[in-house]
Amino acid sequence: MSNPSISNPTIEPPEIIIVDPDEETVACDGGGGALGHPLVYYSFGDQAAVDCGYCGRRFVRRGRGGA
């Protein structure tokens, strides 16, 4: 038997942010001001994309990795 008082939350896919192909580093604070997360920085290195370890946002260099 299911409990109608328990909602079934929908999980949204992570946001994909396209950045300039020359960017080496991106910063993420989760957006939403105080509802975000600590500011963190990620370096692309030789990767076309990096994912935020807090919120899952994906940063993709334009022209690489399908962007």
Foldseek 3Di string as FASTA:
>chain_A
DDDPVDDDDDDDAAAEAEDALPDQKDWDQQDPVVPGHDIDMDGQVVHQWDADPPRGYIYGYPPPPVD
